[in-house]
Structure formats: C-alpha cells, structure tokens
Amino acid sequence: MQLPDFLPASIAWHPAEGDLVLLAGREDDIAVIETALATLPAKARGQVFIEAGDPGVIRSIAAPGRVCVTWLTRDRGQRLDDAVQAWLAEMLPVEFDREHRVYAWISGEGAARVIAS
C-alpha cells in the first residue's frame, strides 16, 4: 500500500462530486493535506488552511486551481479555528431554497465529514 492510498483512507477522505472541500491543519498535518489534495479532481473547489508556528515551514503546496491554500502564522495572531469558523460562516449561508455542502477534514477532529446548511 502506498502513502496516497493510506492517508485518505485513514481520515475517511471521500468527498462527493460538487462538494466544496475544506482541509484545515497544522504544519505537522502537511503530509495528510497534500495527499488529500492529490486525490481531488482538477475541477474541485475549496479552501485549505495550514497554521504554522514557524514561518520557515511555509511553502507552495500543489492544489487544484479552484482550491485556495492559505498559511496562517501564530506569531501574527492568526489561528486555525478562527479562520475555519469565518470561512464556514461565509460558505454555509442560511438559505431556505438550497443546501450548501462542505466536505471537511479538520485536524484533531477525526474523520472527514459533511457540513451542511
């Protein structure tokens, strides 16, 4: 078994076609995040947040064109939880005529899951 096969399975990473994706972790989660990104189709849409204590770990990460990778640095007061909550508040508006779906994996919360409004 290769690493790309193992990591998505270990976090139950199986987004449905059309889901917005959200990956959120810290610098020690980079391997999981990169592997999950590698499984996405080119037309995937979503957001990646990576919180780093050391700005020296910040680097370019390959992602589909409509998936934005944002690095957060603790020394600037940027926090993963705050970024995730703000993004979800924007992406999961309350509308009665349609459902909004985000497929998310957030470090420390176990398996990936659907978040819907």
PDB file of N, CA and C in Angstrom:
ATOM      1  N   MET A   1       0.847  -1.183   0.000  1.00  0.00           N
ATOM      2  CA  MET A   1       0.000   0.000   0.000  1.00  0.00           C
ATOM      3  C   MET A   1       0.887   1.239   0.000  1.00  0.00           C
ATOM      4  N   GLN A   2       0.547   2.207  -0.832  1.00  0.00           N
ATOM      5  CA  GLN A   2       1.328   3.420  -0.906  1.00  0.00           C
ATOM      6  C   GLN A   2       0.721   4.493  -0.002  1.00  0.00           C
ATOM      7  N   LEU A   3       1.538   5.477   0.362  1.00  0.00           N
ATOM      8  CA  LEU A   3       1.080   6.541   1.249  1.00  0.00           C
ATOM      9  C   LEU A   3      -0.178   7.244   0.733  1.00  0.00           C
ATOM     10  N   PRO A   4      -0.287   7.612  -0.558  1.00  0.00           N
ATOM     11  CA  PRO A   4      -1.508   8.262  -1.028  1.00  0.00           C
ATOM     12  C   PRO A   4      -2.764   7.409  -0.833  1.00  0.00           C
ATOM     13  N   ASP A   5      -2.614   6.082  -0.853  1.00  0.00           N
ATOM     14  CA  ASP A   5      -3.764   5.207  -0.621  1.00  0.00           C
ATOM     15  C   ASP A   5      -4.135   5.169   0.855  1.00  0.00           C
ATOM     16  N   PHE A   6      -3.138   5.196   1.713  1.00  0.00           N
ATOM     17  CA  PHE A   6      -3.360   5.041   3.143  1.00  0.00           C
ATOM     18  C   PHE A   6      -3.929   6.294   3.807  1.00  0.00           C
ATOM     19  N   LEU A   7      -3.342   7.466   3.524  1.00  0.00           N
ATOM     20  CA  LEU A   7      -3.749   8.668   4.248  1.00  0.00           C
ATOM     21  C   LEU A   7      -5.208   9.046   4.018  1.00  0.00           C
ATOM     22  N   PRO A   8      -5.718   9.123   2.779  1.00  0.00           N
ATOM     23  CA  PRO A   8      -7.134   9.446   2.633  1.00  0.00           C
ATOM     24  C   PRO A   8      -8.041   8.426   3.314  1.00  0.00           C
ATOM     25  N   ALA A   9      -7.670   7.174   3.276  1.00  0.00           N
ATOM     26  CA  ALA A   9      -8.480   6.158   3.950  1.00  0.00           C
ATOM     27  C   ALA A   9      -8.445   6.336   5.457  1.00  0.00           C
ATOM     28  N   SER A  10      -7.302   6.742   6.000  1.00  0.00           N
ATOM     29  CA  SER A  10      -7.183   6.887   7.448  1.00  0.00           C
ATOM     30  C   SER A  10      -8.005   8.059   7.980  1.00  0.00           C
ATOM     31  N   ILE A  11      -8.306   9.045   7.134  1.00  0.00           N
ATOM     32  CA  ILE A  11      -9.148  10.155   7.560  1.00  0.00           C
ATOM     33  C   ILE A  11     -10.536  10.068   6.924  1.00  0.00           C
ATOM     34  N   ALA A  12     -10.814   8.946   6.250  1.00  0.00           N
ATOM     35  CA  ALA A  12     -12.098   8.719   5.578  1.00  0.00           C
ATOM     36  C   ALA A  12     -12.374   9.824   4.562  1.00  0.00           C
ATOM     37  N   TRP A  13     -11.407  10.126   3.727  1.00  0.00           N
ATOM     38  CA  TRP A  13     -11.491  11.227   2.764  1.00  0.00           C
ATOM     39  C   TRP A  13     -12.157  10.757   1.481  1.00  0.00           C
ATOM     40  N   HIS A  14     -13.445  11.054   1.329  1.00  0.00           N
ATOM     41  CA  HIS A  14     -14.202  10.652   0.154  1.00  0.00           C
ATOM     42  C   HIS A  14     -15.224  11.729  -0.204  1.00  0.00           C
ATOM     43  N   PRO A  15     -14.773  12.918  -0.644  1.00  0.00           N
ATOM     44  CA  PRO A  15     -15.748  13.957  -0.996  1.00  0.00           C
ATOM     45  C   PRO A  15     -16.562  13.563  -2.225  1.00  0.00           C
ATOM     46  N   ALA A  16     -17.808  14.001  -2.243  1.00  0.00           N
ATOM     47  CA  ALA A  16     -18.675  13.753  -3.392  1.00  0.00           C
ATOM     48  C   ALA A  16     -18.423  14.812  -4.453  1.00  0.00           C
ATOM     49  N   GLU A  17     -18.729  14.467  -5.697  1.00  0.00           N
ATOM     50  CA  GLU A  17     -18.596  15.427  -6.777  1.00  0.00           C
ATOM     51  C   GLU A  17     -19.488  16.639  -6.480  1.00  0.00           C
ATOM     52  N   GLY A  18     -18.935  17.821  -6.609  1.00  0.00           N
ATOM     53  CA  GLY A  18     -19.691  19.043  -6.357  1.00  0.00           C
ATOM     54  C   GLY A  18     -19.567  19.592  -4.949  1.00  0.00           C
ATOM     55  N   ASP A  19     -19.039  18.800  -4.011  1.00  0.00           N
ATOM     56  CA  ASP A  19     -18.833  19.327  -2.659  1.00  0.00           C
ATOM     57  C   ASP A  19     -17.737  20.382  -2.663  1.00  0.00           C
ATOM     58  N   LEU A  20     -17.927  21.450  -1.894  1.00  0.00           N
ATOM     59  CA  LEU A  20     -16.799  22.322  -1.567  1.00  0.00           C
ATOM     60  C   LEU A  20     -15.949  21.531  -0.580  1.00  0.00           C
ATOM     61  N   VAL A  21     -14.639  21.649  -0.666  1.00  0.00           N
ATOM     62  CA  VAL A  21     -13.783  20.927   0.264  1.00  0.00           C
ATOM     63  C   VAL A  21     -13.073  21.905   1.189  1.00  0.00           C
ATOM     64  N   LEU A  22     -12.840  21.450   2.400  1.00  0.00           N
ATOM     65  CA  LEU A  22     -12.108  22.221   3.393  1.00  0.00           C
ATOM     66  C   LEU A  22     -11.131  21.288   4.082  1.00  0.00           C
ATOM     67  N   LEU A  23      -9.871  21.649   4.029  1.00  0.00           N
ATOM     68  CA  LEU A  23      -8.825  20.933   4.761  1.00  0.00           C
ATOM     69  C   LEU A  23      -8.191  21.941   5.703  1.00  0.00           C
ATOM     70  N   ALA A  24      -8.086  21.589   6.978  1.00  0.00           N
ATOM     71  CA  ALA A  24      -7.541  22.525   7.952  1.00  0.00           C
ATOM     72  C   ALA A  24      -6.648  21.771   8.929  1.00  0.00           C
ATOM     73  N   GLY A  25      -5.385  22.189   9.006  1.00  0.00           N
ATOM     74  CA  GLY A  25      -4.460  21.510   9.893  1.00  0.00           C
ATOM     75  C   GLY A  25      -3.294  22.390  10.270  1.00  0.00           C
ATOM     76  N   ARG A  26      -2.376  21.781  10.965  1.00  0.00           N
ATOM     77  CA  ARG A  26      -1.170  22.469  11.392  1.00  0.00           C
ATOM     78  C   ARG A  26       0.016  21.933  10.594  1.00  0.00           C
ATOM     79  N   GLU A  27       1.190  22.507  10.823  1.00  0.00           N
ATOM     80  CA  GLU A  27       2.336  22.125   9.998  1.00  0.00           C
ATOM     81  C   GLU A  27       2.645  20.634  10.053  1.00  0.00           C
ATOM     82  N   ASP A  28       2.322  19.957  11.147  1.00  0.00           N
ATOM     83  CA  ASP A  28       2.582  18.516  11.199  1.00  0.00           C
ATOM     84  C   ASP A  28       1.526  17.699  10.455  1.00  0.00           C
ATOM     85  N   ASP A  29       0.521  18.351   9.897  1.00  0.00           N
ATOM     86  CA  ASP A  29      -0.507  17.685   9.085  1.00  0.00           C
ATOM     87  C   ASP A  29      -0.276  17.860   7.587  1.00  0.00           C
ATOM     88  N   ILE A  30       0.833  18.449   7.188  1.00  0.00           N
ATOM     89  CA  ILE A  30       1.065  18.765   5.776  1.00  0.00           C
ATOM     90  C   ILE A  30       0.999  17.515   4.895  1.00  0.00           C
ATOM     91  N   ALA A  31       1.549  16.405   5.330  1.00  0.00           N
ATOM     92  CA  ALA A  31       1.521  15.184   4.512  1.00  0.00           C
ATOM     93  C   ALA A  31       0.082  14.724   4.259  1.00  0.00           C
ATOM     94  N   VAL A  32      -0.757  14.789   5.278  1.00  0.00           N
ATOM     95  CA  VAL A  32      -2.165  14.405   5.122  1.00  0.00           C
ATOM     96  C   VAL A  32      -2.855  15.352   4.142  1.00  0.00           C
ATOM     97  N   ILE A  33      -2.631  16.643   4.310  1.00  0.00           N
ATOM     98  CA  ILE A  33      -3.271  17.646   3.458  1.00  0.00           C
ATOM     99  C   ILE A  33      -2.830  17.484   2.008  1.00  0.00           C
ATOM    100  N   GLU A  34      -1.539  17.344   1.777  1.00  0.00           N
ATOM    101  CA  GLU A  34      -1.044  17.183   0.404  1.00  0.00           C
ATOM    102  C   GLU A  34      -1.596  15.918  -0.249  1.00  0.00           C
ATOM    103  N   THR A  35      -1.686  14.853   0.502  1.00  0.00           N
ATOM    104  CA  THR A  35      -2.194  13.603  -0.049  1.00  0.00           C
ATOM    105  C   THR A  35      -3.681  13.716  -0.369  1.00  0.00           C
ATOM    106  N   ALA A  36      -4.447  14.326   0.520  1.00  0.00           N
ATOM    107  CA  ALA A  36      -5.870  14.525   0.244  1.00  0.00           C
ATOM    108  C   ALA A  36      -6.061  15.417  -0.978  1.00  0.00           C
ATOM    109  N   LEU A  37      -5.261  16.473  -1.104  1.00  0.00           N
ATOM    110  CA  LEU A  37      -5.341  17.347  -2.278  1.00  0.00           C
ATOM    111  C   LEU A  37      -5.040  16.588  -3.565  1.00  0.00           C
ATOM    112  N   ALA A  38      -4.101  15.664  -3.509  1.00  0.00           N
ATOM    113  CA  ALA A  38      -3.719  14.893  -4.699  1.00  0.00           C
ATOM    114  C   ALA A  38      -4.846  13.986  -5.186  1.00  0.00           C
ATOM    115  N   THR A  39      -5.817  13.690  -4.328  1.00  0.00           N
ATOM    116  CA  THR A  39      -6.933  12.831  -4.731  1.00  0.00           C
ATOM    117  C   THR A  39      -8.070  13.611  -5.383  1.00  0.00           C
ATOM    118  N   LEU A  40      -8.009  14.935  -5.339  1.00  0.00           N
ATOM    119  CA  LEU A  40      -9.110  15.752  -5.850  1.00  0.00           C
ATOM    120  C   LEU A  40      -9.053  15.907  -7.367  1.00  0.00           C
ATOM    121  N   PRO A  41     -10.212  15.985  -7.997  1.00  0.00           N
ATOM    122  CA  PRO A  41     -10.228  16.244  -9.441  1.00  0.00           C
ATOM    123  C   PRO A  41      -9.820  17.692  -9.718  1.00  0.00           C
ATOM    124  N   ALA A  42      -9.417  17.959 -10.938  1.00  0.00           N
ATOM    125  CA  ALA A  42      -8.957  19.301 -11.327  1.00  0.00           C
ATOM    126  C   ALA A  42     -10.033  20.363 -11.131  1.00  0.00           C
ATOM    127  N   LYS A  43     -11.304  19.980 -11.196  1.00  0.00           N
ATOM    128  CA  LYS A  43     -12.384  20.964 -11.057  1.00  0.00           C
ATOM    129  C   LYS A  43     -12.855  21.158  -9.613  1.00  0.00           C
ATOM    130  N   ALA A  44     -12.158  20.579  -8.647  1.00  0.00           N
ATOM    131  CA  ALA A  44     -12.535  20.725  -7.234  1.00  0.00           C
ATOM    132  C   ALA A  44     -12.463  22.189  -6.809  1.00  0.00           C
ATOM    133  N   ARG A  45     -13.330  22.541  -5.852  1.00  0.00           N
ATOM    134  CA  ARG A  45     -13.347  23.889  -5.293  1.00  0.00           C
ATOM    135  C   ARG A  45     -13.241  23.799  -3.785  1.00  0.00           C
ATOM    136  N   GLY A  46     -12.529  24.751  -3.185  1.00  0.00           N
ATOM    137  CA  GLY A  46     -12.466  24.741  -1.739  1.00  0.00           C
ATOM    138  C   GLY A  46     -11.347  25.560  -1.160  1.00  0.00           C
ATOM    139  N   GLN A  47     -11.019  25.239   0.092  1.00  0.00           N
ATOM    140  CA  GLN A  47     -10.075  26.019   0.875  1.00  0.00           C
ATOM    141  C   GLN A  47      -9.212  25.091   1.718  1.00  0.00           C
ATOM    142  N   VAL A  48      -7.939  25.465   1.844  1.00  0.00           N
ATOM    143  CA  VAL A  48      -7.006  24.789   2.745  1.00  0.00           C
ATOM    144  C   VAL A  48      -6.448  25.852   3.673  1.00  0.00           C
ATOM    145  N   PHE A  49      -6.468  25.578   4.976  1.00  0.00           N
ATOM    146  CA  PHE A  49      -5.814  26.427   5.967  1.00  0.00           C
ATOM    147  C   PHE A  49      -4.753  25.593   6.660  1.00  0.00           C
ATOM    148  N   ILE A  50      -3.546  26.151   6.754  1.00  0.00           N
ATOM    149  CA  ILE A  50      -2.475  25.482   7.490  1.00  0.00           C
ATOM    150  C   ILE A  50      -1.903  26.490   8.478  1.00  0.00           C
ATOM    151  N   GLU A  51      -1.959  26.148   9.753  1.00  0.00           N
ATOM    152  CA  GLU A  51      -1.416  27.002  10.803  1.00  0.00           C
ATOM    153  C   GLU A  51       0.016  26.578  11.096  1.00  0.00           C
ATOM    154  N   ALA A  52       0.927  27.547  11.071  1.00  0.00           N
ATOM    155  CA  ALA A  52       2.351  27.256  11.293  1.00  0.00           C
ATOM    156  C   ALA A  52       2.891  28.091  12.446  1.00  0.00           C
ATOM    157  N   GLY A  53       3.637  27.443  13.313  1.00  0.00           N
ATOM    158  CA  GLY A  53       4.316  28.167  14.378  1.00  0.00           C
ATOM    159  C   GLY A  53       5.602  28.784  13.881  1.00  0.00           C
ATOM    160  N   ASP A  54       6.217  28.141  12.905  1.00  0.00           N
ATOM    161  CA  ASP A  54       7.479  28.604  12.331  1.00  0.00           C
ATOM    162  C   ASP A  54       7.244  29.016  10.883  1.00  0.00           C
ATOM    163  N   PRO A  55       7.373  30.318  10.568  1.00  0.00           N
ATOM    164  CA  PRO A  55       7.170  30.749   9.182  1.00  0.00           C
ATOM    165  C   PRO A  55       8.117  30.071   8.191  1.00  0.00           C
ATOM    166  N   GLY A  56       9.187  29.453   8.680  1.00  0.00           N
ATOM    167  CA  GLY A  56      10.126  28.761   7.807  1.00  0.00           C
ATOM    168  C   GLY A  56       9.560  27.527   7.137  1.00  0.00           C
ATOM    169  N   VAL A  57       8.438  26.992   7.628  1.00  0.00           N
ATOM    170  CA  VAL A  57       7.845  25.800   7.011  1.00  0.00           C
ATOM    171  C   VAL A  57       6.902  26.161   5.862  1.00  0.00           C
ATOM    172  N   ILE A  58       6.605  27.429   5.709  1.00  0.00           N
ATOM    173  CA  ILE A  58       5.673  27.864   4.661  1.00  0.00           C
ATOM    174  C   ILE A  58       6.300  27.632   3.294  1.00  0.00           C
ATOM    175  N   ARG A  59       5.526  26.969   2.428  1.00  0.00           N
ATOM    176  CA  ARG A  59       5.996  26.661   1.075  1.00  0.00           C
ATOM    177  C   ARG A  59       4.795  26.491   0.169  1.00  0.00           C
ATOM    178  N   SER A  60       5.050  26.394  -1.090  1.00  0.00           N
ATOM    179  CA  SER A  60       3.990  26.184  -2.067  1.00  0.00           C
ATOM    180  C   SER A  60       3.478  24.747  -1.954  1.00  0.00           C
ATOM    181  N   ILE A  61       2.169  24.599  -2.036  1.00  0.00           N
ATOM    182  CA  ILE A  61       1.539  23.282  -1.991  1.00  0.00           C
ATOM    183  C   ILE A  61       0.658  23.151  -3.232  1.00  0.00           C
ATOM    184  N   ALA A  62       0.818  22.043  -3.951  1.00  0.00           N
ATOM    185  CA  ALA A  62       0.027  21.805  -5.163  1.00  0.00           C
ATOM    186  C   ALA A  62      -1.432  21.551  -4.800  1.00  0.00           C
ATOM    187  N   ALA A  63      -2.319  22.245  -5.510  1.00  0.00           N
ATOM    188  CA  ALA A  63      -3.751  22.090  -5.290  1.00  0.00           C
ATOM    189  C   ALA A  63      -4.471  22.377  -6.604  1.00  0.00           C
ATOM    190  N   PRO A  64      -5.681  21.817  -6.772  1.00  0.00           N
ATOM    191  CA  PRO A  64      -6.456  22.168  -7.962  1.00  0.00           C
ATOM    192  C   PRO A  64      -6.635  23.687  -8.041  1.00  0.00           C
ATOM    193  N   GLY A  65      -6.834  24.200  -9.243  1.00  0.00           N
ATOM    194  CA  GLY A  65      -6.868  25.636  -9.477  1.00  0.00           C
ATOM    195  C   GLY A  65      -7.889  26.420  -8.679  1.00  0.00           C
ATOM    196  N   ARG A  66      -8.980  25.780  -8.273  1.00  0.00           N
ATOM    197  CA  ARG A  66     -10.020  26.488  -7.524  1.00  0.00           C
ATOM    198  C   ARG A  66     -10.017  26.110  -6.048  1.00  0.00           C
ATOM    199  N   VAL A  67      -8.879  25.616  -5.579  1.00  0.00           N
ATOM    200  CA  VAL A  67      -8.683  25.347  -4.152  1.00  0.00           C
ATOM    201  C   VAL A  67      -7.581  26.289  -3.675  1.00  0.00           C
ATOM    202  N   CYS A  68      -7.942  27.150  -2.749  1.00  0.00           N
ATOM    203  CA  CYS A  68      -7.007  28.157  -2.242  1.00  0.00           C
ATOM    204  C   CYS A  68      -6.279  27.616  -1.013  1.00  0.00           C
ATOM    205  N   VAL A  69      -4.956  27.735  -1.002  1.00  0.00           N
ATOM    206  CA  VAL A  69      -4.152  27.326   0.145  1.00  0.00           C
ATOM    207  C   VAL A  69      -3.718  28.585   0.887  1.00  0.00           C
ATOM    208  N   THR A  70      -4.085  28.671   2.161  1.00  0.00           N
ATOM    209  CA  THR A  70      -3.767  29.833   2.989  1.00  0.00           C
ATOM    210  C   THR A  70      -2.965  29.391   4.199  1.00  0.00           C
ATOM    211  N   TRP A  71      -1.805  30.000   4.360  1.00  0.00           N
ATOM    212  CA  TRP A  71      -0.962  29.746   5.524  1.00  0.00           C
ATOM    213  C   TRP A  71      -1.290  30.770   6.605  1.00  0.00           C
ATOM    214  N   LEU A  72      -1.421  30.300   7.830  1.00  0.00           N
ATOM    215  CA  LEU A  72      -1.669  31.153   8.989  1.00  0.00           C
ATOM    216  C   LEU A  72      -0.466  31.051   9.905  1.00  0.00           C
ATOM    217  N   THR A  73      -0.008  32.160  10.450  1.00  0.00           N
ATOM    218  CA  THR A  73       1.145  32.102  11.359  1.00  0.00           C
ATOM    219  C   THR A  73       0.745  32.575  12.747  1.00  0.00           C
ATOM    220  N   ARG A  74       1.067  31.746  13.722  1.00  0.00           N
ATOM    221  CA  ARG A  74       0.698  32.041  15.098  1.00  0.00           C
ATOM    222  C   ARG A  74       1.369  33.312  15.609  1.00  0.00           C
ATOM    223  N   ASP A  75       2.586  33.608  15.143  1.00  0.00           N
ATOM    224  CA  ASP A  75       3.273  34.807  15.639  1.00  0.00           C
ATOM    225  C   ASP A  75       2.584  36.097  15.182  1.00  0.00           C
ATOM    226  N   ARG A  76       1.698  35.998  14.210  1.00  0.00           N
ATOM    227  CA  ARG A  76       0.898  37.155  13.767  1.00  0.00           C
ATOM    228  C   ARG A  76      -0.512  37.117  14.358  1.00  0.00           C
ATOM    229  N   GLY A  77      -0.750  36.174  15.264  1.00  0.00           N
ATOM    230  CA  GLY A  77      -2.060  36.071  15.898  1.00  0.00           C
ATOM    231  C   GLY A  77      -3.110  35.374  15.052  1.00  0.00           C
ATOM    232  N   GLN A  78      -2.692  34.734  13.966  1.00  0.00           N
ATOM    233  CA  GLN A  78      -3.632  34.030  13.093  1.00  0.00           C
ATOM    234  C   GLN A  78      -3.870  32.632  13.658  1.00  0.00           C
ATOM    235  N   ARG A  79      -5.125  32.261  13.795  1.00  0.00           N
ATOM    236  CA  ARG A  79      -5.484  30.984  14.404  1.00  0.00           C
ATOM    237  C   ARG A  79      -6.346  30.150  13.462  1.00  0.00           C
ATOM    238  N   LEU A  80      -6.061  28.864  13.432  1.00  0.00           N
ATOM    239  CA  LEU A  80      -6.769  27.923  12.570  1.00  0.00           C
ATOM    240  C   LEU A  80      -8.268  27.923  12.858  1.00  0.00           C
ATOM    241  N   ASP A  81      -8.643  27.811  14.114  1.00  0.00           N
ATOM    242  CA  ASP A  81     -10.063  27.745  14.463  1.00  0.00           C
ATOM    243  C   ASP A  81     -10.821  28.988  13.998  1.00  0.00           C
ATOM    244  N   ASP A  82     -10.225  30.162  14.171  1.00  0.00           N
ATOM    245  CA  ASP A  82     -10.880  31.407  13.741  1.00  0.00           C
ATOM    246  C   ASP A  82     -11.070  31.426  12.224  1.00  0.00           C
ATOM    247  N   ALA A  83     -10.040  31.018  11.487  1.00  0.00           N
ATOM    248  CA  ALA A  83     -10.117  31.010  10.018  1.00  0.00           C
ATOM    249  C   ALA A  83     -11.187  30.041   9.533  1.00  0.00           C
ATOM    250  N   VAL A  84     -11.235  28.854  10.118  1.00  0.00           N
ATOM    251  CA  VAL A  84     -12.222  27.843   9.721  1.00  0.00           C
ATOM    252  C   VAL A  84     -13.636  28.352   9.988  1.00  0.00           C
ATOM    253  N   GLN A  85     -13.865  28.902  11.176  1.00  0.00           N
ATOM    254  CA  GLN A  85     -15.198  29.392  11.522  1.00  0.00           C
ATOM    255  C   GLN A  85     -15.642  30.530  10.599  1.00  0.00           C
ATOM    256  N   ALA A  86     -14.731  31.448  10.286  1.00  0.00           N
ATOM    257  CA  ALA A  86     -15.069  32.560   9.387  1.00  0.00           C
ATOM    258  C   ALA A  86     -15.385  32.051   7.988  1.00  0.00           C
ATOM    259  N   TRP A  87     -14.584  31.101   7.487  1.00  0.00           N
ATOM    260  CA  TRP A  87     -14.810  30.564   6.145  1.00  0.00           C
ATOM    261  C   TRP A  87     -16.148  29.822   6.075  1.00  0.00           C
ATOM    262  N   LEU A  88     -16.420  29.004   7.094  1.00  0.00           N
ATOM    263  CA  LEU A  88     -17.690  28.272   7.107  1.00  0.00           C
ATOM    264  C   LEU A  88     -18.883  29.223   7.197  1.00  0.00           C
ATOM    265  N   ALA A  89     -18.754  30.295   7.950  1.00  0.00           N
ATOM    266  CA  ALA A  89     -19.837  31.276   8.048  1.00  0.00           C
ATOM    267  C   ALA A  89     -20.145  31.888   6.682  1.00  0.00           C
ATOM    268  N   GLU A  90     -19.110  32.057   5.877  1.00  0.00           N
ATOM    269  CA  GLU A  90     -19.308  32.605   4.532  1.00  0.00           C
ATOM    270  C   GLU A  90     -19.833  31.558   3.555  1.00  0.00           C
ATOM    271  N   MET A  91     -19.329  30.350   3.636  1.00  0.00           N
ATOM    272  CA  MET A  91     -19.671  29.311   2.665  1.00  0.00           C
ATOM    273  C   MET A  91     -20.948  28.555   2.986  1.00  0.00           C
ATOM    274  N   LEU A  92     -21.424  28.633   4.203  1.00  0.00           N
ATOM    275  CA  LEU A  92     -22.654  27.944   4.595  1.00  0.00           C
ATOM    276  C   LEU A  92     -23.721  28.950   5.017  1.00  0.00           C
ATOM    277  N   PRO A  93     -24.114  29.835   4.101  1.00  0.00           N
ATOM    278  CA  PRO A  93     -25.144  30.812   4.465  1.00  0.00           C
ATOM    279  C   PRO A  93     -26.480  30.125   4.689  1.00  0.00           C
ATOM    280  N   VAL A  94     -27.323  30.765   5.432  1.00  0.00           N
ATOM    281  CA  VAL A  94     -28.657  30.223   5.685  1.00  0.00           C
ATOM    282  C   VAL A  94     -29.566  30.647   4.540  1.00  0.00           C
ATOM    283  N   GLU A  95     -29.947  29.679   3.727  1.00  0.00           N
ATOM    284  CA  GLU A  95     -30.892  29.889   2.630  1.00  0.00           C
ATOM    285  C   GLU A  95     -31.881  28.738   2.666  1.00  0.00           C
ATOM    286  N   PHE A  96     -33.119  29.047   2.483  1.00  0.00           N
ATOM    287  CA  PHE A  96     -34.138  28.012   2.573  1.00  0.00           C
ATOM    288  C   PHE A  96     -34.363  27.273   1.261  1.00  0.00           C
ATOM    289  N   ASP A  97     -33.857  27.817   0.164  1.00  0.00           N
ATOM    290  CA  ASP A  97     -34.153  27.214  -1.132  1.00  0.00           C
ATOM    291  C   ASP A  97     -33.100  26.230  -1.624  1.00  0.00           C
ATOM    292  N   ARG A  98     -31.968  26.116  -0.927  1.00  0.00           N
ATOM    293  CA  ARG A  98     -30.972  25.134  -1.364  1.00  0.00           C
ATOM    294  C   ARG A  98     -30.033  24.775  -0.222  1.00  0.00           C
ATOM    295  N   GLU A  99     -29.444  23.592  -0.353  1.00  0.00           N
ATOM    296  CA  GLU A  99     -28.488  23.123   0.651  1.00  0.00           C
ATOM    297  C   GLU A  99     -27.078  23.474   0.207  1.00  0.00           C
ATOM    298  N   HIS A 100     -26.272  23.883   1.140  1.00  0.00           N
ATOM    299  CA  HIS A 100     -24.861  24.118   0.887  1.00  0.00           C
ATOM    300  C   HIS A 100     -24.094  22.996   1.572  1.00  0.00           C
ATOM    301  N   ARG A 101     -23.142  22.390   0.843  1.00  0.00           N
ATOM    302  CA  ARG A 101     -22.370  21.279   1.409  1.00  0.00           C
ATOM    303  C   ARG A 101     -20.877  21.577   1.358  1.00  0.00           C
ATOM    304  N   VAL A 102     -20.240  21.341   2.474  1.00  0.00           N
ATOM    305  CA  VAL A 102     -18.784  21.405   2.563  1.00  0.00           C
ATOM    306  C   VAL A 102     -18.332  20.056   3.091  1.00  0.00           C
ATOM    307  N   TYR A 103     -17.358  19.468   2.415  1.00  0.00           N
ATOM    308  CA  TYR A 103     -16.768  18.218   2.879  1.00  0.00           C
ATOM    309  C   TYR A 103     -15.456  18.602   3.537  1.00  0.00           C
ATOM    310  N   ALA A 104     -15.316  18.313   4.822  1.00  0.00           N
ATOM    311  CA  ALA A 104     -14.194  18.865   5.588  1.00  0.00           C
ATOM    312  C   ALA A 104     -13.414  17.822   6.370  1.00  0.00           C
ATOM    313  N   TRP A 105     -12.116  18.065   6.440  1.00  0.00           N
ATOM    314  CA  TRP A 105     -11.252  17.387   7.399  1.00  0.00           C
ATOM    315  C   TRP A 105     -10.529  18.480   8.167  1.00  0.00           C
ATOM    316  N   ILE A 106     -10.709  18.452   9.488  1.00  0.00           N
ATOM    317  CA  ILE A 106     -10.101  19.450  10.362  1.00  0.00           C
ATOM    318  C   ILE A 106      -9.245  18.698  11.367  1.00  0.00           C
ATOM    319  N   SER A 107      -7.991  19.074  11.456  1.00  0.00           N
ATOM    320  CA  SER A 107      -7.037  18.403  12.338  1.00  0.00           C
ATOM    321  C   SER A 107      -7.601  18.282  13.749  1.00  0.00           C
ATOM    322  N   GLY A 108      -7.438  17.101  14.309  1.00  0.00           N
ATOM    323  CA  GLY A 108      -7.874  16.866  15.688  1.00  0.00           C
ATOM    324  C   GLY A 108      -9.332  16.468  15.832  1.00  0.00           C
ATOM    325  N   GLU A 109     -10.075  16.456  14.718  1.00  0.00           N
ATOM    326  CA  GLU A 109     -11.495  16.121  14.791  1.00  0.00           C
ATOM    327  C   GLU A 109     -11.812  14.747  14.210  1.00  0.00           C
ATOM    328  N   GLY A 110     -10.782  13.944  13.915  1.00  0.00           N
ATOM    329  CA  GLY A 110     -11.010  12.596  13.415  1.00  0.00           C
ATOM    330  C   GLY A 110     -11.241  12.555  11.920  1.00  0.00           C
ATOM    331  N   ALA A 111     -12.240  11.755  11.529  1.00  0.00           N
ATOM    332  CA  ALA A 111     -12.521  11.521  10.119  1.00  0.00           C
ATOM    333  C   ALA A 111     -13.129  12.749   9.445  1.00  0.00           C
ATOM    334  N   ALA A 112     -12.996  12.803   8.125  1.00  0.00           N
ATOM    335  CA  ALA A 112     -13.631  13.853   7.332  1.00  0.00           C
ATOM    336  C   ALA A 112     -15.142  13.673   7.425  1.00  0.00           C
ATOM    337  N   ARG A 113     -15.867  14.776   7.194  1.00  0.00           N
ATOM    338  CA  ARG A 113     -17.318  14.709   7.306  1.00  0.00           C
ATOM    339  C   ARG A 113     -17.963  15.799   6.461  1.00  0.00           C
ATOM    340  N   VAL A 114     -19.250  15.658   6.236  1.00  0.00           N
ATOM    341  CA  VAL A 114     -20.032  16.673   5.528  1.00  0.00           C
ATOM    342  C   VAL A 114     -20.554  17.671   6.539  1.00  0.00           C
ATOM    343  N   ILE A 115     -20.413  18.941   6.199  1.00  0.00           N
ATOM    344  CA  ILE A 115     -21.007  20.018   6.975  1.00  0.00           C
ATOM    345  C   ILE A 115     -22.005  20.675   6.026  1.00  0.00           C
ATOM    346  N   ALA A 116     -23.263  20.730   6.391  1.00  0.00           N
ATOM    347  CA  ALA A 116     -24.288  21.271   5.501  1.00  0.00           C
ATOM    348  C   ALA A 116     -25.127  22.310   6.217  1.00  0.00           C
ATOM    349  N   SER A 117     -25.663  23.237   5.421  1.00  0.00           N
ATOM    350  CA  SER A 117     -26.602  24.211   5.992  1.00  0.00           C
ATOM    351  C   SER A 117     -27.997  23.900   5.495  1.00  0.00           C
TER     352      SER A 117
END
